[in-house]
Amino acid sequence: MGISTHPLKIHSQAFTAEMLGHMGHSREIGMGMRYTRDLDYFKRFDVAVSAGENSQSYLIGAGLEVEVLSEDIETPRMGIKGFYQYQKELFANYSHLGIAPNVSKGFSLEGMEFFPFIALPVGMKIDNASDEFIYSAALSAGVSVPVMRDILVNLELNRDLGASSDYIGLLISWMWN
């Protein structure tokens, strides 16, 4: 999900460094980069690239988050993120097309702001070698916390509801207008 559920200033941008711990088949540490741009009040676009310890394992993707319901005092923010990912693993490569409905609600505690979210990414993975379609679904949860004026820290957990890849991610973002 990245930081697409975090409230950004209109037309702001963010560069994110990601550290990912994959707990599926590969059991490896990965690193990635993500660029996020707020297009207008209701839409955010991001592109990402990440790679695992094995140099033959990488992922390239893009997504568009559309806010369906804006957050206010009583109401959580609801959005839907469409995404495409190309994933190369040791002996296979996949095209993954899907959507991720999500809900988030910010709150303040002891002067610190927290923005937790939960998402349900679902989609179709296409094995590019055999053209086999594989249904995919996951449960993602996380929280983003602004730690300085332009720095955002995000912790994200992903539980794959199939047999693919669970991961935990630590993301550090630098935001600017």
N, C-alpha and C. Protein backbone atom coordinates (compact mmCIF):
# COMPACT_ATOMS: atom_id res chain seq x y z
N MET A 1 0.82 -1.20 0.00
CA MET A 1 0.00 0.00 0.00
C MET A 1 0.86 1.26 0.00
N GLY A 2 2.04 1.18 0.61
CA GLY A 2 2.86 2.37 0.68
C GLY A 2 2.22 3.43 1.56
N ILE A 3 2.37 4.69 1.18
CA ILE A 3 1.79 5.77 1.99
C ILE A 3 0.54 6.35 1.34
N SER A 4 -0.08 5.62 0.42
CA SER A 4 -1.22 6.18 -0.31
C SER A 4 -2.43 6.45 0.57
N THR A 5 -2.52 5.85 1.77
CA THR A 5 -3.65 6.13 2.66
C THR A 5 -3.35 7.28 3.63
N HIS A 6 -2.10 7.75 3.67
CA HIS A 6 -1.73 8.84 4.57
C HIS A 6 -2.22 10.17 3.99
N PRO A 7 -2.76 11.08 4.81
CA PRO A 7 -3.20 12.37 4.29
C PRO A 7 -2.00 13.22 3.86
N LEU A 8 -1.94 13.50 2.58
CA LEU A 8 -0.86 14.34 2.02
C LEU A 8 -1.43 15.68 1.63
N LYS A 9 -0.58 16.70 1.59
CA LYS A 9 -1.00 18.01 1.09
C LYS A 9 -1.25 17.90 -0.41
N ILE A 10 -2.18 18.70 -0.91
CA ILE A 10 -2.51 18.65 -2.32
C ILE A 10 -1.27 18.95 -3.17
N HIS A 11 -1.07 18.18 -4.19
CA HIS A 11 0.06 18.26 -5.14
C HIS A 11 1.41 18.00 -4.48
N SER A 12 1.42 17.39 -3.30
CA SER A 12 2.70 17.07 -2.68
C SER A 12 3.26 15.79 -3.28
N GLN A 13 4.54 15.55 -2.99
CA GLN A 13 5.24 14.39 -3.50
C GLN A 13 6.00 13.74 -2.35
N ALA A 14 6.32 12.46 -2.52
CA ALA A 14 7.08 11.77 -1.48
C ALA A 14 8.00 10.74 -2.14
N PHE A 15 9.18 10.66 -1.61
CA PHE A 15 10.13 9.61 -2.00
C PHE A 15 10.27 8.70 -0.78
N THR A 16 10.11 7.40 -0.98
CA THR A 16 10.09 6.44 0.12
C THR A 16 11.15 5.37 -0.07
N ALA A 17 11.90 5.11 1.00
CA ALA A 17 12.83 3.98 1.04
C ALA A 17 12.14 2.88 1.84
N GLU A 18 12.14 1.66 1.32
CA GLU A 18 11.43 0.55 1.96
C GLU A 18 12.41 -0.56 2.31
N MET A 19 12.23 -1.14 3.48
CA MET A 19 12.95 -2.34 3.87
C MET A 19 11.88 -3.40 4.13
N LEU A 20 11.95 -4.52 3.42
CA LEU A 20 10.92 -5.53 3.48
C LEU A 20 11.49 -6.86 3.95
N GLY A 21 10.79 -7.52 4.85
CA GLY A 21 11.15 -8.86 5.28
C GLY A 21 10.13 -9.83 4.74
N HIS A 22 10.49 -10.60 3.71
CA HIS A 22 9.59 -11.57 3.10
C HIS A 22 9.63 -12.86 3.89
N MET A 23 8.46 -13.38 4.19
CA MET A 23 8.38 -14.58 5.02
C MET A 23 7.72 -15.73 4.27
N GLY A 24 7.62 -15.64 2.94
CA GLY A 24 7.00 -16.70 2.15
C GLY A 24 8.03 -17.71 1.71
N HIS A 25 8.01 -18.04 0.42
CA HIS A 25 8.91 -19.04 -0.13
C HIS A 25 10.37 -18.63 -0.01
N SER A 26 10.65 -17.37 -0.28
CA SER A 26 12.05 -16.94 -0.37
C SER A 26 12.70 -16.63 0.98
N ARG A 27 11.92 -16.24 1.99
CA ARG A 27 12.47 -15.90 3.31
C ARG A 27 13.72 -15.04 3.17
N GLU A 28 13.53 -13.84 2.70
CA GLU A 28 14.66 -12.96 2.47
C GLU A 28 14.32 -11.52 2.83
N ILE A 29 15.34 -10.73 2.92
CA ILE A 29 15.21 -9.29 3.15
C ILE A 29 15.23 -8.60 1.79
N GLY A 30 14.37 -7.61 1.63
CA GLY A 30 14.33 -6.86 0.39
C GLY A 30 14.42 -5.37 0.65
N MET A 31 14.78 -4.65 -0.37
CA MET A 31 14.85 -3.18 -0.32
C MET A 31 14.07 -2.64 -1.50
N GLY A 32 13.52 -1.46 -1.33
CA GLY A 32 12.78 -0.87 -2.43
C GLY A 32 12.72 0.64 -2.34
N MET A 33 12.25 1.23 -3.42
CA MET A 33 12.03 2.67 -3.50
C MET A 33 10.64 2.90 -4.07
N ARG A 34 10.02 3.97 -3.63
CA ARG A 34 8.68 4.30 -4.09
C ARG A 34 8.58 5.82 -4.25
N TYR A 35 7.92 6.25 -5.32
CA TYR A 35 7.63 7.66 -5.53
C TYR A 35 6.12 7.81 -5.52
N THR A 36 5.60 8.73 -4.69
CA THR A 36 4.17 8.97 -4.58
C THR A 36 3.89 10.43 -4.91
N ARG A 37 2.84 10.67 -5.68
CA ARG A 37 2.45 12.04 -6.04
C ARG A 37 0.95 12.20 -5.81
N ASP A 38 0.58 13.25 -5.08
CA ASP A 38 -0.81 13.60 -4.89
C ASP A 38 -1.27 14.35 -6.14
N LEU A 39 -2.18 13.76 -6.92
CA LEU A 39 -2.61 14.38 -8.17
C LEU A 39 -3.64 15.48 -7.96
N ASP A 40 -4.58 15.23 -7.08
CA ASP A 40 -5.56 16.23 -6.68
C ASP A 40 -6.11 15.80 -5.32
N TYR A 41 -7.18 16.41 -4.91
CA TYR A 41 -7.70 16.15 -3.57
C TYR A 41 -8.12 14.69 -3.37
N PHE A 42 -8.49 13.98 -4.44
CA PHE A 42 -9.02 12.63 -4.30
C PHE A 42 -8.16 11.52 -4.91
N LYS A 43 -7.04 11.83 -5.55
CA LYS A 43 -6.26 10.82 -6.24
C LYS A 43 -4.77 10.93 -5.93
N ARG A 44 -4.13 9.74 -5.79
CA ARG A 44 -2.68 9.66 -5.59
C ARG A 44 -2.12 8.58 -6.50
N PHE A 45 -0.97 8.84 -7.07
CA PHE A 45 -0.30 7.90 -7.97
C PHE A 45 1.03 7.51 -7.36
N ASP A 46 1.41 6.23 -7.46
CA ASP A 46 2.74 5.83 -7.01
C ASP A 46 3.35 4.80 -7.94
N VAL A 47 4.67 4.80 -8.00
CA VAL A 47 5.45 3.79 -8.71
C VAL A 47 6.47 3.25 -7.72
N ALA A 48 6.75 1.95 -7.84
CA ALA A 48 7.65 1.31 -6.88
C ALA A 48 8.52 0.28 -7.58
N VAL A 49 9.69 0.09 -7.03
CA VAL A 49 10.59 -0.97 -7.46
C VAL A 49 11.24 -1.55 -6.22
N SER A 50 11.34 -2.88 -6.15
CA SER A 50 11.99 -3.51 -5.01
C SER A 50 12.68 -4.78 -5.47
N ALA A 51 13.64 -5.20 -4.69
CA ALA A 51 14.39 -6.42 -5.01
C ALA A 51 14.73 -7.13 -3.71
N GLY A 52 14.86 -8.45 -3.82
CA GLY A 52 15.22 -9.26 -2.67
C GLY A 52 16.71 -9.53 -2.64
N GLU A 53 17.12 -10.31 -1.65
CA GLU A 53 18.54 -10.65 -1.52
C GLU A 53 19.05 -11.37 -2.77
N ASN A 54 18.21 -12.21 -3.35
CA ASN A 54 18.58 -12.92 -4.55
C ASN A 54 18.45 -11.96 -5.73
N SER A 55 19.49 -11.78 -6.49
CA SER A 55 19.48 -10.78 -7.56
C SER A 55 18.48 -11.12 -8.66
N GLN A 56 17.92 -12.33 -8.68
CA GLN A 56 16.95 -12.71 -9.71
C GLN A 56 15.52 -12.48 -9.25
N SER A 57 15.31 -11.84 -8.10
CA SER A 57 13.98 -11.60 -7.56
C SER A 57 13.74 -10.10 -7.45
N TYR A 58 12.76 -9.58 -8.21
CA TYR A 58 12.45 -8.16 -8.13
C TYR A 58 10.99 -7.91 -8.47
N LEU A 59 10.52 -6.69 -8.18
CA LEU A 59 9.15 -6.30 -8.43
C LEU A 59 9.13 -4.85 -8.91
N ILE A 60 8.36 -4.59 -9.94
CA ILE A 60 8.14 -3.24 -10.45
C ILE A 60 6.63 -3.04 -10.49
N GLY A 61 6.14 -1.91 -9.98
CA GLY A 61 4.69 -1.72 -9.95
C GLY A 61 4.27 -0.27 -9.95
N ALA A 62 2.98 -0.07 -10.19
CA ALA A 62 2.39 1.26 -10.17
C ALA A 62 0.96 1.14 -9.64
N GLY A 63 0.47 2.20 -9.02
CA GLY A 63 -0.88 2.18 -8.48
C GLY A 63 -1.52 3.55 -8.50
N LEU A 64 -2.84 3.57 -8.51
CA LEU A 64 -3.62 4.80 -8.43
C LEU A 64 -4.65 4.63 -7.33
N GLU A 65 -4.51 5.45 -6.27
CA GLU A 65 -5.42 5.44 -5.13
C GLU A 65 -6.48 6.52 -5.35
N VAL A 66 -7.75 6.13 -5.23
CA VAL A 66 -8.87 7.08 -5.36
C VAL A 66 -9.61 7.09 -4.02
N GLU A 67 -9.74 8.27 -3.45
CA GLU A 67 -10.47 8.44 -2.18
C GLU A 67 -11.96 8.45 -2.47
N VAL A 68 -12.68 7.52 -1.85
CA VAL A 68 -14.13 7.39 -2.05
C VAL A 68 -14.89 8.20 -1.01
N LEU A 69 -14.39 8.19 0.23
CA LEU A 69 -15.03 8.90 1.33
C LEU A 69 -13.94 9.60 2.13
N SER A 70 -14.07 10.91 2.30
CA SER A 70 -13.06 11.69 3.03
C SER A 70 -13.23 11.51 4.53
N GLU A 71 -12.11 11.58 5.22
CA GLU A 71 -12.12 11.47 6.68
C GLU A 71 -12.58 12.78 7.30
N ASP A 72 -13.39 12.66 8.35
CA ASP A 72 -13.70 13.80 9.20
C ASP A 72 -13.73 13.29 10.64
N ILE A 73 -14.26 14.06 11.56
CA ILE A 73 -14.21 13.70 12.97
C ILE A 73 -14.87 12.35 13.25
N GLU A 74 -16.01 12.09 12.65
CA GLU A 74 -16.76 10.86 12.92
C GLU A 74 -16.54 9.76 11.88
N THR A 75 -16.09 10.11 10.70
CA THR A 75 -16.04 9.17 9.57
C THR A 75 -14.61 8.80 9.20
N PRO A 76 -14.33 7.52 8.99
CA PRO A 76 -13.00 7.15 8.50
C PRO A 76 -12.86 7.45 7.01
N ARG A 77 -11.64 7.48 6.56
CA ARG A 77 -11.35 7.66 5.14
C ARG A 77 -11.48 6.29 4.47
N MET A 78 -12.11 6.25 3.31
CA MET A 78 -12.21 5.01 2.54
C MET A 78 -11.68 5.28 1.14
N GLY A 79 -10.94 4.33 0.63
CA GLY A 79 -10.39 4.48 -0.71
C GLY A 79 -10.30 3.14 -1.40
N ILE A 80 -9.95 3.22 -2.67
CA ILE A 80 -9.71 2.01 -3.46
C ILE A 80 -8.48 2.28 -4.32
N LYS A 81 -7.56 1.33 -4.30
CA LYS A 81 -6.31 1.49 -5.05
C LYS A 81 -6.24 0.42 -6.13
N GLY A 82 -6.17 0.86 -7.37
CA GLY A 82 -5.92 -0.05 -8.47
C GLY A 82 -4.41 -0.17 -8.66
N PHE A 83 -3.91 -1.37 -8.97
CA PHE A 83 -2.47 -1.52 -9.11
C PHE A 83 -2.10 -2.55 -10.17
N TYR A 84 -0.89 -2.41 -10.69
CA TYR A 84 -0.27 -3.39 -11.60
C TYR A 84 1.14 -3.63 -11.08
N GLN A 85 1.54 -4.91 -11.06
CA GLN A 85 2.90 -5.26 -10.65
C GLN A 85 3.46 -6.31 -11.60
N TYR A 86 4.72 -6.16 -11.94
CA TYR A 86 5.46 -7.20 -12.65
C TYR A 86 6.44 -7.78 -11.63
N GLN A 87 6.37 -9.08 -11.41
CA GLN A 87 7.19 -9.72 -10.39
C GLN A 87 8.01 -10.83 -11.01
N LYS A 88 9.32 -10.76 -10.81
CA LYS A 88 10.24 -11.80 -11.30
C LYS A 88 10.78 -12.54 -10.10
N GLU A 89 10.63 -13.86 -10.12
CA GLU A 89 11.18 -14.70 -9.07
C GLU A 89 12.24 -15.60 -9.69
N LEU A 90 12.79 -16.51 -8.92
CA LEU A 90 13.86 -17.36 -9.41
C LEU A 90 13.53 -18.05 -10.73
N PHE A 91 12.41 -18.75 -10.80
CA PHE A 91 12.10 -19.54 -11.98
C PHE A 91 10.80 -19.13 -12.66
N ALA A 92 10.21 -18.04 -12.26
CA ALA A 92 8.93 -17.62 -12.83
C ALA A 92 8.83 -16.10 -12.82
N ASN A 93 7.91 -15.59 -13.64
CA ASN A 93 7.58 -14.18 -13.58
C ASN A 93 6.07 -14.03 -13.76
N TYR A 94 5.53 -13.01 -13.10
CA TYR A 94 4.09 -12.81 -13.03
C TYR A 94 3.73 -11.38 -13.36
N SER A 95 2.55 -11.21 -13.95
CA SER A 95 1.91 -9.91 -14.05
C SER A 95 0.74 -9.97 -13.07
N HIS A 96 0.63 -8.97 -12.21
CA HIS A 96 -0.37 -8.97 -11.15
C HIS A 96 -1.20 -7.71 -11.30
N LEU A 97 -2.49 -7.87 -11.53
CA LEU A 97 -3.42 -6.77 -11.70
C LEU A 97 -4.49 -6.88 -10.62
N GLY A 98 -4.75 -5.79 -9.89
CA GLY A 98 -5.72 -5.90 -8.81
C GLY A 98 -6.21 -4.58 -8.27
N ILE A 99 -7.04 -4.69 -7.24
CA ILE A 99 -7.55 -3.53 -6.52
C ILE A 99 -7.37 -3.78 -5.03
N ALA A 100 -7.29 -2.70 -4.27
CA ALA A 100 -7.12 -2.80 -2.82
C ALA A 100 -8.05 -1.82 -2.13
N PRO A 101 -9.27 -2.25 -1.77
CA PRO A 101 -10.12 -1.38 -0.96
C PRO A 101 -9.48 -1.19 0.42
N ASN A 102 -9.58 0.02 0.96
CA ASN A 102 -8.90 0.30 2.23
C ASN A 102 -9.69 1.30 3.07
N VAL A 103 -9.44 1.23 4.37
CA VAL A 103 -10.06 2.13 5.35
C VAL A 103 -8.96 2.64 6.26
N SER A 104 -8.98 3.93 6.58
CA SER A 104 -8.01 4.50 7.51
C SER A 104 -8.68 5.58 8.35
N LYS A 105 -8.11 5.81 9.52
CA LYS A 105 -8.65 6.84 10.42
C LYS A 105 -7.52 7.36 11.29
N GLY A 106 -7.22 8.61 11.19
CA GLY A 106 -6.17 9.21 12.00
C GLY A 106 -6.64 9.54 13.41
N PHE A 107 -5.68 9.54 14.33
CA PHE A 107 -5.96 9.97 15.69
C PHE A 107 -4.68 10.50 16.32
N SER A 108 -4.85 11.21 17.43
CA SER A 108 -3.72 11.80 18.13
C SER A 108 -3.66 11.22 19.54
N LEU A 109 -2.43 10.93 19.99
CA LEU A 109 -2.22 10.39 21.32
C LEU A 109 -0.96 11.02 21.90
N GLU A 110 -1.12 11.73 23.02
CA GLU A 110 0.02 12.38 23.68
C GLU A 110 0.77 13.31 22.72
N GLY A 111 0.03 13.97 21.82
CA GLY A 111 0.64 14.91 20.89
C GLY A 111 1.22 14.29 19.63
N MET A 112 1.22 12.96 19.53
CA MET A 112 1.71 12.26 18.33
C MET A 112 0.51 11.90 17.46
N GLU A 113 0.66 12.06 16.15
CA GLU A 113 -0.40 11.68 15.22
C GLU A 113 -0.13 10.28 14.69
N PHE A 114 -1.18 9.46 14.58
CA PHE A 114 -1.09 8.11 14.05
C PHE A 114 -2.17 7.96 12.97
N PHE A 115 -1.82 7.29 11.89
CA PHE A 115 -2.76 7.07 10.80
C PHE A 115 -2.78 5.59 10.43
N PRO A 116 -3.53 4.76 11.19
CA PRO A 116 -3.61 3.33 10.88
C PRO A 116 -4.52 3.08 9.68
N PHE A 117 -4.26 1.97 8.98
CA PHE A 117 -5.10 1.58 7.87
C PHE A 117 -5.22 0.06 7.82
N ILE A 118 -6.24 -0.39 7.12
CA ILE A 118 -6.41 -1.81 6.82
C ILE A 118 -6.87 -1.88 5.37
N ALA A 119 -6.35 -2.86 4.63
CA ALA A 119 -6.67 -2.99 3.21
C ALA A 119 -6.81 -4.46 2.85
N LEU A 120 -7.55 -4.71 1.78
CA LEU A 120 -7.75 -6.06 1.29
C LEU A 120 -7.41 -6.11 -0.21
N PRO A 121 -6.11 -6.21 -0.54
CA PRO A 121 -5.73 -6.29 -1.96
C PRO A 121 -6.17 -7.62 -2.56
N VAL A 122 -6.88 -7.57 -3.67
CA VAL A 122 -7.32 -8.75 -4.39
C VAL A 122 -7.00 -8.55 -5.88
N GLY A 123 -6.80 -9.65 -6.57
CA GLY A 123 -6.53 -9.53 -7.99
C GLY A 123 -6.21 -10.84 -8.65
N MET A 124 -5.67 -10.73 -9.84
CA MET A 124 -5.28 -11.89 -10.63
C MET A 124 -3.80 -11.80 -10.94
N LYS A 125 -3.10 -12.90 -10.67
CA LYS A 125 -1.70 -13.04 -11.07
C LYS A 125 -1.70 -13.89 -12.33
N ILE A 126 -0.96 -13.46 -13.30
CA ILE A 126 -0.85 -14.21 -14.55
C ILE A 126 0.58 -14.72 -14.65
N ASP A 127 0.74 -16.04 -14.69
CA ASP A 127 2.06 -16.63 -14.90
C ASP A 127 2.42 -16.38 -16.37
N ASN A 128 3.42 -15.55 -16.60
CA ASN A 128 3.74 -15.14 -17.96
C ASN A 128 4.28 -16.28 -18.82
N ALA A 129 4.77 -17.35 -18.23
CA ALA A 129 5.28 -18.48 -19.01
C ALA A 129 4.14 -19.39 -19.48
N SER A 130 3.16 -19.64 -18.63
CA SER A 130 2.10 -20.59 -18.97
C SER A 130 0.74 -19.93 -19.22
N ASP A 131 0.64 -18.62 -19.04
CA ASP A 131 -0.62 -17.88 -19.13
C ASP A 131 -1.67 -18.38 -18.15
N GLU A 132 -1.25 -19.00 -17.05
CA GLU A 132 -2.15 -19.48 -16.02
C GLU A 132 -2.58 -18.31 -15.13
N PHE A 133 -3.89 -18.23 -14.84
CA PHE A 133 -4.42 -17.21 -13.95
C PHE A 133 -4.45 -17.75 -12.53
N ILE A 134 -3.97 -16.96 -11.58
CA ILE A 134 -3.95 -17.34 -10.18
C ILE A 134 -4.64 -16.23 -9.40
N TYR A 135 -5.71 -16.57 -8.67
CA TYR A 135 -6.39 -15.58 -7.85
C TYR A 135 -5.50 -15.23 -6.67
N SER A 136 -5.44 -13.96 -6.31
CA SER A 136 -4.64 -13.55 -5.16
C SER A 136 -5.47 -12.66 -4.24
N ALA A 137 -5.21 -12.80 -2.96
CA ALA A 137 -5.86 -11.95 -1.96
C ALA A 137 -4.92 -11.84 -0.77
N ALA A 138 -4.95 -10.71 -0.11
CA ALA A 138 -4.10 -10.49 1.06
C ALA A 138 -4.84 -9.59 2.03
N LEU A 139 -4.36 -9.57 3.23
CA LEU A 139 -4.85 -8.64 4.25
C LEU A 139 -3.66 -7.80 4.67
N SER A 140 -3.77 -6.49 4.48
CA SER A 140 -2.69 -5.57 4.84
C SER A 140 -3.15 -4.65 5.94
N ALA A 141 -2.27 -4.39 6.87
CA ALA A 141 -2.55 -3.44 7.94
C ALA A 141 -1.27 -2.67 8.22
N GLY A 142 -1.43 -1.45 8.65
CA GLY A 142 -0.25 -0.65 8.93
C GLY A 142 -0.60 0.64 9.62
N VAL A 143 0.43 1.40 9.89
CA VAL A 143 0.26 2.71 10.52
C VAL A 143 1.37 3.62 10.03
N SER A 144 1.01 4.87 9.74
CA SER A 144 2.01 5.88 9.39
C SER A 144 2.03 6.94 10.48
N VAL A 145 3.24 7.41 10.76
CA VAL A 145 3.44 8.39 11.84
C VAL A 145 4.39 9.48 11.34
N PRO A 146 3.95 10.74 11.31
CA PRO A 146 4.87 11.81 10.99
C PRO A 146 5.84 12.01 12.17
N VAL A 147 7.14 11.92 11.91
CA VAL A 147 8.11 12.06 13.00
C VAL A 147 8.80 13.42 12.98
N MET A 148 8.84 14.05 11.84
CA MET A 148 9.33 15.42 11.70
C MET A 148 8.45 16.09 10.66
N ARG A 149 8.69 17.33 10.40
CA ARG A 149 7.83 18.08 9.50
C ARG A 149 7.66 17.41 8.13
N ASP A 150 8.74 16.93 7.53
CA ASP A 150 8.68 16.35 6.20
C ASP A 150 9.04 14.87 6.16
N ILE A 151 9.14 14.22 7.31
CA ILE A 151 9.52 12.81 7.38
C ILE A 151 8.36 11.99 7.94
N LEU A 152 8.07 10.88 7.29
CA LEU A 152 6.98 10.00 7.67
C LEU A 152 7.52 8.58 7.80
N VAL A 153 7.17 7.90 8.89
CA VAL A 153 7.56 6.50 9.09
C VAL A 153 6.30 5.66 9.02
N ASN A 154 6.39 4.56 8.28
CA ASN A 154 5.24 3.70 8.06
C ASN A 154 5.65 2.25 8.33
N LEU A 155 4.86 1.55 9.13
CA LEU A 155 5.06 0.13 9.38
C LEU A 155 3.88 -0.59 8.73
N GLU A 156 4.18 -1.59 7.90
CA GLU A 156 3.13 -2.27 7.14
C GLU A 156 3.31 -3.78 7.26
N LEU A 157 2.21 -4.48 7.52
CA LEU A 157 2.20 -5.94 7.60
C LEU A 157 1.29 -6.46 6.50
N ASN A 158 1.70 -7.51 5.82
CA ASN A 158 0.89 -8.09 4.75
C ASN A 158 0.79 -9.59 4.96
N ARG A 159 -0.43 -10.09 5.09
CA ARG A 159 -0.66 -11.53 5.24
C ARG A 159 -1.33 -12.02 3.97
N ASP A 160 -0.60 -12.77 3.18
CA ASP A 160 -1.15 -13.31 1.95
C ASP A 160 -2.17 -14.39 2.31
N LEU A 161 -3.35 -14.32 1.73
CA LEU A 161 -4.40 -15.29 2.04
C LEU A 161 -4.31 -16.53 1.17
N GLY A 162 -3.25 -16.61 0.35
CA GLY A 162 -2.97 -17.80 -0.44
C GLY A 162 -1.69 -18.42 0.10
N ALA A 163 -0.79 -18.76 -0.78
CA ALA A 163 0.46 -19.40 -0.34
C ALA A 163 1.67 -18.68 -0.91
N SER A 164 1.57 -17.38 -1.07
CA SER A 164 2.63 -16.66 -1.76
C SER A 164 3.60 -15.99 -0.80
N SER A 165 3.38 -14.71 -0.49
CA SER A 165 4.40 -14.02 0.29
C SER A 165 3.83 -13.11 1.36
N ASP A 166 4.04 -13.47 2.61
CA ASP A 166 3.76 -12.57 3.71
C ASP A 166 4.98 -11.69 3.87
N TYR A 167 4.77 -10.46 4.31
CA TYR A 167 5.93 -9.59 4.54
C TYR A 167 5.62 -8.57 5.61
N ILE A 168 6.67 -8.03 6.16
CA ILE A 168 6.61 -6.89 7.06
C ILE A 168 7.50 -5.82 6.43
N GLY A 169 7.02 -4.59 6.43
CA GLY A 169 7.78 -3.52 5.79
C GLY A 169 7.93 -2.31 6.69
N LEU A 170 9.10 -1.72 6.63
CA LEU A 170 9.38 -0.45 7.29
C LEU A 170 9.68 0.55 6.19
N LEU A 171 8.89 1.60 6.12
CA LEU A 171 9.02 2.61 5.09
C LEU A 171 9.34 3.95 5.71
N ILE A 172 10.29 4.65 5.14
CA ILE A 172 10.63 5.99 5.59
C ILE A 172 10.49 6.92 4.39
N SER A 173 9.63 7.93 4.53
CA SER A 173 9.29 8.81 3.41
C SER A 173 9.74 10.24 3.69
N TRP A 174 10.21 10.88 2.66
CA TRP A 174 10.54 12.30 2.68
C TRP A 174 9.53 12.99 1.77
N MET A 175 8.75 13.93 2.31
CA MET A 175 7.68 14.58 1.56
C MET A 175 8.05 16.02 1.25
N TRP A 176 7.60 16.51 0.09
CA TRP A 176 7.79 17.90 -0.29
C TRP A 176 6.68 18.33 -1.23
N ASN A 177 6.53 19.65 -1.42
CA ASN A 177 5.54 20.19 -2.35
C ASN A 177 6.18 20.52 -3.65
